[in-house]
Amino acid sequence: MPYVNIKVTKEGVTREQKTQLIKGVTDLLRDVLGKDPATTFVVIDEVELTDWGVGGTNVEDWRKQQAQARAHTST
């Protein structure tokens, strides 16, 4: 009974995109591991940018830093 938890940043993932993720993961587990889709569970959590960290900072601030760094290197 597989359980898959997908975490994405909360940036407007649509219902249709979530449906595609759920179906795609379910199909992958069926095709690769022979798991029964009827007993495969997929959960999608949307996480606020400020609740997700990378490089010691939250994603919102990290992206700002990356954009500033790109702006400095492109000039």
PDB file of N, CA and C in Angstrom:
ATOM      1  N   MET A   1       0.850  -1.176   0.000  1.00  0.00           N
ATOM      2  CA  MET A   1       0.000   0.000   0.000  1.00  0.00           C
ATOM      3  C   MET A   1       0.897   1.242   0.000  1.00  0.00           C
ATOM      4  N   PRO A   2       1.315   1.719  -1.176  1.00  0.00           N
ATOM      5  CA  PRO A   2       2.195   2.884  -1.249  1.00  0.00           C
ATOM      6  C   PRO A   2       1.505   4.168  -0.805  1.00  0.00           C
ATOM      7  N   TYR A   3       2.303   4.998  -0.178  1.00  0.00           N
ATOM      8  CA  TYR A   3       1.875   6.335   0.216  1.00  0.00           C
ATOM      9  C   TYR A   3       2.938   7.297  -0.289  1.00  0.00           C
ATOM     10  N   VAL A   4       2.546   8.253  -1.114  1.00  0.00           N
ATOM     11  CA  VAL A   4       3.477   9.233  -1.662  1.00  0.00           C
ATOM     12  C   VAL A   4       3.009  10.611  -1.225  1.00  0.00           C
ATOM     13  N   ASN A   5       3.940  11.390  -0.663  1.00  0.00           N
ATOM     14  CA  ASN A   5       3.634  12.757  -0.242  1.00  0.00           C
ATOM     15  C   ASN A   5       4.441  13.715  -1.109  1.00  0.00           C
ATOM     16  N   ILE A   6       3.742  14.527  -1.882  1.00  0.00           N
ATOM     17  CA  ILE A   6       4.370  15.523  -2.745  1.00  0.00           C
ATOM     18  C   ILE A   6       4.217  16.877  -2.070  1.00  0.00           C
ATOM     19  N   LYS A   7       5.314  17.574  -1.912  1.00  0.00           N
ATOM     20  CA  LYS A   7       5.278  18.920  -1.342  1.00  0.00           C
ATOM     21  C   LYS A   7       5.726  19.896  -2.411  1.00  0.00           C
ATOM     22  N   VAL A   8       4.928  20.925  -2.623  1.00  0.00           N
ATOM     23  CA  VAL A   8       5.246  21.982  -3.583  1.00  0.00           C
ATOM     24  C   VAL A   8       5.028  23.321  -2.913  1.00  0.00           C
ATOM     25  N   THR A   9       5.732  24.329  -3.414  1.00  0.00           N
ATOM     26  CA  THR A   9       5.494  25.660  -2.877  1.00  0.00           C
ATOM     27  C   THR A   9       4.124  26.141  -3.349  1.00  0.00           C
ATOM     28  N   LYS A  10       3.499  26.906  -2.497  1.00  0.00           N
ATOM     29  CA  LYS A  10       2.128  27.380  -2.758  1.00  0.00           C
ATOM     30  C   LYS A  10       2.179  28.556  -3.729  1.00  0.00           C
ATOM     31  N   GLU A  11       2.076  28.206  -5.014  1.00  0.00           N
ATOM     32  CA  GLU A  11       2.177  29.223  -6.059  1.00  0.00           C
ATOM     33  C   GLU A  11       1.169  28.975  -7.171  1.00  0.00           C
ATOM     34  N   GLY A  12      -0.028  28.629  -6.790  1.00  0.00           N
ATOM     35  CA  GLY A  12      -1.096  28.508  -7.774  1.00  0.00           C
ATOM     36  C   GLY A  12      -1.128  27.212  -8.556  1.00  0.00           C
ATOM     37  N   VAL A  13      -0.740  26.103  -7.923  1.00  0.00           N
ATOM     38  CA  VAL A  13      -0.882  24.812  -8.586  1.00  0.00           C
ATOM     39  C   VAL A  13      -2.370  24.572  -8.797  1.00  0.00           C
ATOM     40  N   THR A  14      -2.744  24.280 -10.031  1.00  0.00           N
ATOM     41  CA  THR A  14      -4.165  24.132 -10.344  1.00  0.00           C
ATOM     42  C   THR A  14      -4.683  22.746  -9.981  1.00  0.00           C
ATOM     43  N   ARG A  15      -5.976  22.638  -9.926  1.00  0.00           N
ATOM     44  CA  ARG A  15      -6.622  21.348  -9.679  1.00  0.00           C
ATOM     45  C   ARG A  15      -6.227  20.344 -10.760  1.00  0.00           C
ATOM     46  N   GLU A  16      -6.181  20.811 -12.008  1.00  0.00           N
ATOM     47  CA  GLU A  16      -5.815  19.941 -13.121  1.00  0.00           C
ATOM     48  C   GLU A  16      -4.374  19.444 -12.981  1.00  0.00           C
ATOM     49  N   GLN A  17      -3.466  20.313 -12.559  1.00  0.00           N
ATOM     50  CA  GLN A  17      -2.077  19.901 -12.358  1.00  0.00           C
ATOM     51  C   GLN A  17      -1.971  18.867 -11.235  1.00  0.00           C
ATOM     52  N   LYS A  18      -2.717  19.080 -10.171  1.00  0.00           N
ATOM     53  CA  LYS A  18      -2.721  18.115  -9.066  1.00  0.00           C
ATOM     54  C   LYS A  18      -3.261  16.766  -9.538  1.00  0.00           C
ATOM     55  N   THR A  19      -4.312  16.798 -10.346  1.00  0.00           N
ATOM     56  CA  THR A  19      -4.872  15.569 -10.888  1.00  0.00           C
ATOM     57  C   THR A  19      -3.829  14.832 -11.724  1.00  0.00           C
ATOM     58  N   GLN A  20      -3.071  15.575 -12.537  1.00  0.00           N
ATOM     59  CA  GLN A  20      -2.018  14.966 -13.355  1.00  0.00           C
ATOM     60  C   GLN A  20      -0.926  14.359 -12.479  1.00  0.00           C
ATOM     61  N   LEU A  21      -0.536  15.057 -11.421  1.00  0.00           N
ATOM     62  CA  LEU A  21       0.480  14.520 -10.513  1.00  0.00           C
ATOM     63  C   LEU A  21       0.010  13.221  -9.865  1.00  0.00           C
ATOM     64  N   ILE A  22      -1.211  13.233  -9.367  1.00  0.00           N
ATOM     65  CA  ILE A  22      -1.754  12.048  -8.698  1.00  0.00           C
ATOM     66  C   ILE A  22      -1.806  10.865  -9.664  1.00  0.00           C
ATOM     67  N   LYS A  23      -2.319  11.100 -10.865  1.00  0.00           N
ATOM     68  CA  LYS A  23      -2.403  10.022 -11.850  1.00  0.00           C
ATOM     69  C   LYS A  23      -1.014   9.560 -12.276  1.00  0.00           C
ATOM     70  N   GLY A  24      -0.127  10.505 -12.521  1.00  0.00           N
ATOM     71  CA  GLY A  24       1.217  10.151 -12.971  1.00  0.00           C
ATOM     72  C   GLY A  24       1.982   9.314 -11.962  1.00  0.00           C
ATOM     73  N   VAL A  25       1.916   9.710 -10.699  1.00  0.00           N
ATOM     74  CA  VAL A  25       2.612   8.955  -9.640  1.00  0.00           C
ATOM     75  C   VAL A  25       1.979   7.577  -9.482  1.00  0.00           C
ATOM     76  N   THR A  26       0.676   7.523  -9.506  1.00  0.00           N
ATOM     77  CA  THR A  26      -0.032   6.244  -9.380  1.00  0.00           C
ATOM     78  C   THR A  26       0.340   5.309 -10.531  1.00  0.00           C
ATOM     79  N   ASP A  27       0.334   5.840 -11.748  1.00  0.00           N
ATOM     80  CA  ASP A  27       0.698   5.034 -12.918  1.00  0.00           C
ATOM     81  C   ASP A  27       2.153   4.572 -12.833  1.00  0.00           C
ATOM     82  N   LEU A  28       3.047   5.436 -12.387  1.00  0.00           N
ATOM     83  CA  LEU A  28       4.460   5.084 -12.262  1.00  0.00           C
ATOM     84  C   LEU A  28       4.662   3.933 -11.283  1.00  0.00           C
ATOM     85  N   LEU A  29       3.998   4.007 -10.142  1.00  0.00           N
ATOM     86  CA  LEU A  29       4.122   2.931  -9.157  1.00  0.00           C
ATOM     87  C   LEU A  29       3.545   1.620  -9.683  1.00  0.00           C
ATOM     88  N   ARG A  30       2.474   1.714 -10.455  1.00  0.00           N
ATOM     89  CA  ARG A  30       1.902   0.513 -11.083  1.00  0.00           C
ATOM     90  C   ARG A  30       2.879  -0.076 -12.101  1.00  0.00           C
ATOM     91  N   ASP A  31       3.417   0.777 -12.960  1.00  0.00           N
ATOM     92  CA  ASP A  31       4.279   0.313 -14.052  1.00  0.00           C
ATOM     93  C   ASP A  31       5.635  -0.191 -13.575  1.00  0.00           C
ATOM     94  N   VAL A  32       6.229   0.495 -12.602  1.00  0.00           N
ATOM     95  CA  VAL A  32       7.584   0.150 -12.173  1.00  0.00           C
ATOM     96  C   VAL A  32       7.592  -0.924 -11.092  1.00  0.00           C
ATOM     97  N   LEU A  33       6.681  -0.799 -10.125  1.00  0.00           N
ATOM     98  CA  LEU A  33       6.699  -1.718  -8.984  1.00  0.00           C
ATOM     99  C   LEU A  33       5.527  -2.695  -8.948  1.00  0.00           C
ATOM    100  N   GLY A  34       4.601  -2.567  -9.901  1.00  0.00           N
ATOM    101  CA  GLY A  34       3.453  -3.459  -9.926  1.00  0.00           C
ATOM    102  C   GLY A  34       2.445  -3.196  -8.814  1.00  0.00           C
ATOM    103  N   LYS A  35       2.406  -1.960  -8.308  1.00  0.00           N
ATOM    104  CA  LYS A  35       1.493  -1.624  -7.199  1.00  0.00           C
ATOM    105  C   LYS A  35       0.077  -1.394  -7.712  1.00  0.00           C
ATOM    106  N   ASP A  36      -0.872  -1.823  -6.933  1.00  0.00           N
ATOM    107  CA  ASP A  36      -2.287  -1.693  -7.270  1.00  0.00           C
ATOM    108  C   ASP A  36      -2.726  -0.237  -7.110  1.00  0.00           C
ATOM    109  N   PRO A  37      -3.197   0.410  -8.165  1.00  0.00           N
ATOM    110  CA  PRO A  37      -3.664   1.788  -8.049  1.00  0.00           C
ATOM    111  C   PRO A  37      -4.766   1.980  -7.010  1.00  0.00           C
ATOM    112  N   ALA A  38      -5.558   0.941  -6.778  1.00  0.00           N
ATOM    113  CA  ALA A  38      -6.657   1.045  -5.807  1.00  0.00           C
ATOM    114  C   ALA A  38      -6.157   1.206  -4.376  1.00  0.00           C
ATOM    115  N   THR A  39      -4.906   0.834  -4.145  1.00  0.00           N
ATOM    116  CA  THR A  39      -4.360   0.957  -2.785  1.00  0.00           C
ATOM    117  C   THR A  39      -3.141   1.885  -2.744  1.00  0.00           C
ATOM    118  N   THR A  40      -3.021   2.750  -3.751  1.00  0.00           N
ATOM    119  CA  THR A  40      -1.943   3.740  -3.792  1.00  0.00           C
ATOM    120  C   THR A  40      -2.503   5.089  -3.372  1.00  0.00           C
ATOM    121  N   PHE A  41      -1.862   5.689  -2.392  1.00  0.00           N
ATOM    122  CA  PHE A  41      -2.306   6.972  -1.855  1.00  0.00           C
ATOM    123  C   PHE A  41      -1.299   8.053  -2.208  1.00  0.00           C
ATOM    124  N   VAL A  42      -1.789   9.175  -2.742  1.00  0.00           N
ATOM    125  CA  VAL A  42      -0.940  10.307  -3.087  1.00  0.00           C
ATOM    126  C   VAL A  42      -1.525  11.542  -2.405  1.00  0.00           C
ATOM    127  N   VAL A  43      -0.671  12.232  -1.660  1.00  0.00           N
ATOM    128  CA  VAL A  43      -1.090  13.447  -0.955  1.00  0.00           C
ATOM    129  C   VAL A  43      -0.224  14.601  -1.445  1.00  0.00           C
ATOM    130  N   ILE A  44      -0.847  15.718  -1.768  1.00  0.00           N
ATOM    131  CA  ILE A  44      -0.124  16.905  -2.205  1.00  0.00           C
ATOM    132  C   ILE A  44      -0.288  17.984  -1.145  1.00  0.00           C
ATOM    133  N   ASP A  45       0.841  18.434  -0.616  1.00  0.00           N
ATOM    134  CA  ASP A  45       0.850  19.538   0.353  1.00  0.00           C
ATOM    135  C   ASP A  45       1.411  20.777  -0.321  1.00  0.00           C
ATOM    136  N   GLU A  46       0.710  21.892  -0.176  1.00  0.00           N
ATOM    137  CA  GLU A  46       1.213  23.165  -0.674  1.00  0.00           C
ATOM    138  C   GLU A  46       1.780  23.935   0.518  1.00  0.00           C
ATOM    139  N   VAL A  47       3.033  24.347   0.372  1.00  0.00           N
ATOM    140  CA  VAL A  47       3.759  24.974   1.463  1.00  0.00           C
ATOM    141  C   VAL A  47       4.043  26.439   1.111  1.00  0.00           C
ATOM    142  N   GLU A  48       3.770  27.329   2.042  1.00  0.00           N
ATOM    143  CA  GLU A  48       4.078  28.748   1.844  1.00  0.00           C
ATOM    144  C   GLU A  48       5.573  28.919   1.588  1.00  0.00           C
ATOM    145  N   LEU A  49       5.931  29.876   0.748  1.00  0.00           N
ATOM    146  CA  LEU A  49       7.335  30.118   0.430  1.00  0.00           C
ATOM    147  C   LEU A  49       8.168  30.400   1.676  1.00  0.00           C
ATOM    148  N   THR A  50       7.566  31.051   2.652  1.00  0.00           N
ATOM    149  CA  THR A  50       8.308  31.373   3.874  1.00  0.00           C
ATOM    150  C   THR A  50       8.402  30.196   4.831  1.00  0.00           C
ATOM    151  N   ASP A  51       7.719  29.099   4.520  1.00  0.00           N
ATOM    152  CA  ASP A  51       7.781  27.889   5.343  1.00  0.00           C
ATOM    153  C   ASP A  51       8.664  26.813   4.722  1.00  0.00           C
ATOM    154  N   TRP A  52       9.351  27.141   3.648  1.00  0.00           N
ATOM    155  CA  TRP A  52      10.217  26.194   2.935  1.00  0.00           C
ATOM    156  C   TRP A  52      11.596  26.818   2.887  1.00  0.00           C
ATOM    157  N   GLY A  53      12.581  26.103   3.359  1.00  0.00           N
ATOM    158  CA  GLY A  53      13.924  26.658   3.427  1.00  0.00           C
ATOM    159  C   GLY A  53      14.901  26.007   2.476  1.00  0.00           C
ATOM    160  N   VAL A  54      15.849  26.796   2.006  1.00  0.00           N
ATOM    161  CA  VAL A  54      16.951  26.307   1.177  1.00  0.00           C
ATOM    162  C   VAL A  54      18.161  27.210   1.432  1.00  0.00           C
ATOM    163  N   GLY A  55      19.301  26.611   1.586  1.00  0.00           N
ATOM    164  CA  GLY A  55      20.506  27.402   1.798  1.00  0.00           C
ATOM    165  C   GLY A  55      20.477  28.246   3.059  1.00  0.00           C
ATOM    166  N   GLY A  56      19.733  27.818   4.050  1.00  0.00           N
ATOM    167  CA  GLY A  56      19.674  28.537   5.322  1.00  0.00           C
ATOM    168  C   GLY A  56      18.695  29.690   5.373  1.00  0.00           C
ATOM    169  N   THR A  57      17.850  29.807   4.361  1.00  0.00           N
ATOM    170  CA  THR A  57      16.871  30.895   4.333  1.00  0.00           C
ATOM    171  C   THR A  57      15.573  30.393   3.706  1.00  0.00           C
ATOM    172  N   ASN A  58      14.495  31.144   3.897  1.00  0.00           N
ATOM    173  CA  ASN A  58      13.237  30.700   3.291  1.00  0.00           C
ATOM    174  C   ASN A  58      13.274  30.964   1.787  1.00  0.00           C
ATOM    175  N   VAL A  59      12.449  30.243   1.049  1.00  0.00           N
ATOM    176  CA  VAL A  59      12.479  30.288  -0.414  1.00  0.00           C
ATOM    177  C   VAL A  59      12.182  31.683  -0.946  1.00  0.00           C
ATOM    178  N   GLU A  60      11.281  32.393  -0.317  1.00  0.00           N
ATOM    179  CA  GLU A  60      10.964  33.741  -0.790  1.00  0.00           C
ATOM    180  C   GLU A  60      12.212  34.626  -0.778  1.00  0.00           C
ATOM    181  N   ASP A  61      12.946  34.632   0.339  1.00  0.00           N
ATOM    182  CA  ASP A  61      14.169  35.425   0.440  1.00  0.00           C
ATOM    183  C   ASP A  61      15.271  34.863  -0.457  1.00  0.00           C
ATOM    184  N   TRP A  62      15.374  33.531  -0.529  1.00  0.00           N
ATOM    185  CA  TRP A  62      16.386  32.896  -1.359  1.00  0.00           C
ATOM    186  C   TRP A  62      16.226  33.293  -2.823  1.00  0.00           C
ATOM    187  N   ARG A  63      14.981  33.305  -3.298  1.00  0.00           N
ATOM    188  CA  ARG A  63      14.730  33.702  -4.687  1.00  0.00           C
ATOM    189  C   ARG A  63      15.116  35.154  -4.927  1.00  0.00           C
ATOM    190  N   LYS A  64      14.841  36.017  -3.967  1.00  0.00           N
ATOM    191  CA  LYS A  64      15.246  37.425  -4.094  1.00  0.00           C
ATOM    192  C   LYS A  64      16.764  37.526  -4.196  1.00  0.00           C
ATOM    193  N   GLN A  65      17.471  36.767  -3.358  1.00  0.00           N
ATOM    194  CA  GLN A  65      18.933  36.772  -3.391  1.00  0.00           C
ATOM    195  C   GLN A  65      19.442  36.274  -4.743  1.00  0.00           C
ATOM    196  N   GLN A  66      18.830  35.228  -5.269  1.00  0.00           N
ATOM    197  CA  GLN A  66      19.245  34.680  -6.558  1.00  0.00           C
ATOM    198  C   GLN A  66      19.009  35.684  -7.679  1.00  0.00           C
ATOM    199  N   ALA A  67      17.882  36.384  -7.635  1.00  0.00           N
ATOM    200  CA  ALA A  67      17.566  37.381  -8.658  1.00  0.00           C
ATOM    201  C   ALA A  67      18.566  38.527  -8.594  1.00  0.00           C
ATOM    202  N   GLN A  68      18.918  38.957  -7.394  1.00  0.00           N
ATOM    203  CA  GLN A  68      19.908  40.025  -7.240  1.00  0.00           C
ATOM    204  C   GLN A  68      21.265  39.591  -7.763  1.00  0.00           C
ATOM    205  N   ALA A  69      21.638  38.355  -7.467  1.00  0.00           N
ATOM    206  CA  ALA A  69      22.931  37.835  -7.931  1.00  0.00           C
ATOM    207  C   ALA A  69      22.963  37.782  -9.445  1.00  0.00           C
ATOM    208  N   ARG A  70      21.872  37.343 -10.066  1.00  0.00           N
ATOM    209  CA  ARG A  70      21.808  37.301 -11.540  1.00  0.00           C
ATOM    210  C   ARG A  70      21.884  38.695 -12.129  1.00  0.00           C
ATOM    211  N   ALA A  71      21.224  39.648 -11.484  1.00  0.00           N
ATOM    212  CA  ALA A  71      21.233  41.032 -11.982  1.00  0.00           C
ATOM    213  C   ALA A  71      22.649  41.602 -11.936  1.00  0.00           C
ATOM    214  N   HIS A  72      23.408  41.248 -10.910  1.00  0.00           N
ATOM    215  CA  HIS A  72      24.771  41.763 -10.781  1.00  0.00           C
ATOM    216  C   HIS A  72      25.720  41.139 -11.794  1.00  0.00           C
ATOM    217  N   THR A  73      25.487  39.866 -12.121  1.00  0.00           N
ATOM    218  CA  THR A  73      26.373  39.188 -13.066  1.00  0.00           C
ATOM    219  C   THR A  73      26.039  39.503 -14.512  1.00  0.00           C
ATOM    220  N   SER A  74      24.829  39.975 -14.782  1.00  0.00           N
ATOM    221  CA  SER A  74      24.444  40.254 -16.162  1.00  0.00           C
ATOM    222  C   SER A  74      24.754  41.694 -16.567  1.00  0.00           C
ATOM    223  N   THR A  75      25.224  42.474 -15.622  1.00  0.00           N
ATOM    224  CA  THR A  75      25.542  43.874 -15.980  1.00  0.00           C
ATOM    225  C   THR A  75      26.994  44.051 -16.301  1.00  0.00           C
TER     226      THR A  75
END
